[in-house]
Amino acid sequence: MSDVISSDDKEKSLYLKQIGYLDEQLERCQLKCDELVKQNNSLVSQCSSLKTDKKDVTEYLKHSLAAKQKEVEEVLEQLKEAEEDSEALKMQLQEQMDELKSHNMMQVKMDTVM
């Protein structure tokens, strides 16, 4: 009978040790899980912040692009106007030169006749 009790006590002791070991393992796993949950929450927050930043930067860049495109259009329009003015001035100067040449030729003819 003493062998049976002793065997039962040993078995009970073994089970209690296993339970203790499993409780410790469970506690370590729960701590690790809590740590991973915190890391996950932090990463989710960072991801959300990065998405917001990306959206803000994208909007800023779109706005900047639109402003630059408008500026380019204005500069091109100014260039076109300057080219037109330059062409008109060229034509005006050419006319003046032609008039002066004509006037000069008439002056030379008059001088030779006299």
Protein backbone atom coordinates (compact mmCIF):
# COMPACT_ATOMS: atom_id res chain seq x y z
CA MET A 1 0.00 0.00 0.00
CA SER A 2 2.87 2.33 0.78
CA ASP A 3 4.25 1.68 -2.70
CA VAL A 4 0.94 2.71 -4.22
CA ILE A 5 0.80 5.93 -2.14
CA SER A 6 4.40 6.68 -2.89
CA SER A 7 3.81 6.10 -6.58
CA ASP A 8 0.69 8.27 -6.50
CA ASP A 9 2.60 11.01 -4.68
CA LYS A 10 5.40 10.87 -7.23
CA GLU A 11 2.90 11.04 -10.08
CA LYS A 12 1.08 13.92 -8.39
CA SER A 13 4.38 15.71 -7.81
CA LEU A 14 5.37 15.20 -11.45
CA TYR A 15 2.02 16.61 -12.61
CA LEU A 16 2.39 19.60 -10.27
CA LYS A 17 5.87 20.30 -11.69
CA GLN A 18 4.51 20.07 -15.21
CA ILE A 19 1.67 22.43 -14.29
CA GLY A 20 4.19 24.86 -12.74
CA TYR A 21 6.39 24.70 -15.84
CA LEU A 22 3.38 25.19 -18.13
CA ASP A 23 2.16 28.12 -15.98
CA GLU A 24 5.60 29.76 -16.32
CA GLN A 25 5.61 29.11 -20.05
CA LEU A 26 2.08 30.54 -20.32
CA GLU A 27 3.16 33.67 -18.42
CA ARG A 28 6.18 34.14 -20.74
CA CYS A 29 3.93 33.68 -23.78
CA GLN A 30 1.40 36.17 -22.43
CA LEU A 31 4.17 38.72 -21.78
CA LYS A 32 5.51 38.18 -25.29
CA CYS A 33 1.98 38.53 -26.68
CA ASP A 34 1.46 41.79 -24.75
CA GLU A 35 4.77 43.08 -26.10
CA LEU A 36 3.80 42.13 -29.65
CA VAL A 37 0.40 43.82 -29.26
CA LYS A 38 2.16 47.03 -28.15
CA GLN A 39 4.57 46.81 -31.11
CA ASN A 40 1.67 46.18 -33.47
CA ASN A 41 -0.25 49.17 -32.11
CA SER A 42 2.85 51.33 -32.51
CA LEU A 43 3.36 50.13 -36.08
CA VAL A 44 -0.30 50.70 -36.93
CA SER A 45 0.01 54.24 -35.56
CA GLN A 46 3.21 54.84 -37.55
CA CYS A 47 1.57 53.47 -40.69
CA SER A 48 -1.41 55.77 -40.23
CA SER A 49 0.90 58.74 -39.67
CA LEU A 50 2.92 57.86 -42.78
CA LYS A 51 -0.27 57.57 -44.85
CA THR A 52 -1.35 61.02 -43.66
CA ASP A 53 2.11 62.43 -44.40
CA LYS A 54 2.07 60.82 -47.83
CA LYS A 55 -1.34 62.32 -48.56
CA ASP A 56 -0.18 65.77 -47.40
CA VAL A 57 3.02 65.58 -49.47
CA THR A 58 1.09 64.38 -52.52
CA GLU A 59 -1.39 67.25 -52.21
CA TYR A 60 1.47 69.74 -51.77
CA LEU A 61 3.30 68.37 -54.82
CA LYS A 62 0.12 68.46 -56.94
CA HIS A 63 -0.47 72.06 -55.89
CA SER A 64 3.17 72.97 -56.60
CA LEU A 65 3.01 71.26 -59.99
CA ALA A 66 -0.15 73.16 -60.92
CA ALA A 67 1.47 76.44 -59.87
CA LYS A 68 4.62 75.67 -61.88
CA GLN A 69 2.56 74.71 -64.93
CA LYS A 70 0.66 78.00 -64.67
CA GLU A 71 3.95 79.86 -64.34
CA VAL A 72 5.34 78.07 -67.42
CA GLU A 73 2.22 78.97 -69.39
CA GLU A 74 2.57 82.62 -68.35
CA VAL A 75 6.26 82.68 -69.30
CA LEU A 76 5.48 81.05 -72.66
CA GLU A 77 2.80 83.65 -73.29
CA GLN A 78 5.26 86.43 -72.41
CA LEU A 79 7.81 84.86 -74.75
CA LYS A 80 5.25 84.69 -77.54
CA GLU A 81 4.36 88.34 -76.99
CA ALA A 82 8.04 89.31 -76.90
CA GLU A 83 8.67 87.43 -80.15
CA GLU A 84 5.70 89.15 -81.77
CA ASP A 85 6.93 92.54 -80.51
CA SER A 86 10.41 91.74 -81.76
CA GLU A 87 9.09 90.78 -85.18
CA ALA A 88 6.99 93.94 -85.37
CA LEU A 89 9.99 96.04 -84.34
CA LYS A 90 12.14 94.29 -86.97
CA MET A 91 9.58 95.09 -89.62
CA GLN A 92 9.35 98.70 -88.45
CA LEU A 93 13.12 99.08 -88.47
CA GLN A 94 13.33 97.49 -91.91
CA GLU A 95 10.76 99.98 -93.19
CA GLN A 96 12.74 102.85 -91.66
CA MET A 97 15.93 101.55 -93.24
CA ASP A 98 14.20 101.25 -96.60
CA GLU A 99 12.88 104.80 -96.26
CA LEU A 100 16.30 106.09 -95.28
CA LYS A 101 17.94 104.30 -98.21
CA SER A 102 15.33 105.67 -100.55
CA HIS A 103 15.75 109.14 -99.09
CA ASN A 104 19.53 108.80 -99.26
CA MET A 105 19.36 107.69 -102.92
CA MET A 106 17.17 110.63 -103.75
CA GLN A 107 19.59 112.92 -101.95
CA VAL A 108 22.50 111.45 -103.91
CA LYS A 109 20.60 111.92 -107.19
CA MET A 110 19.81 115.50 -106.28
CA ASP A 111 23.41 116.14 -105.38
CA THR A 112 24.61 114.70 -108.68
CA VAL A 113 22.07 116.72 -110.66
CA MET A 114 23.16 119.94 -109.05
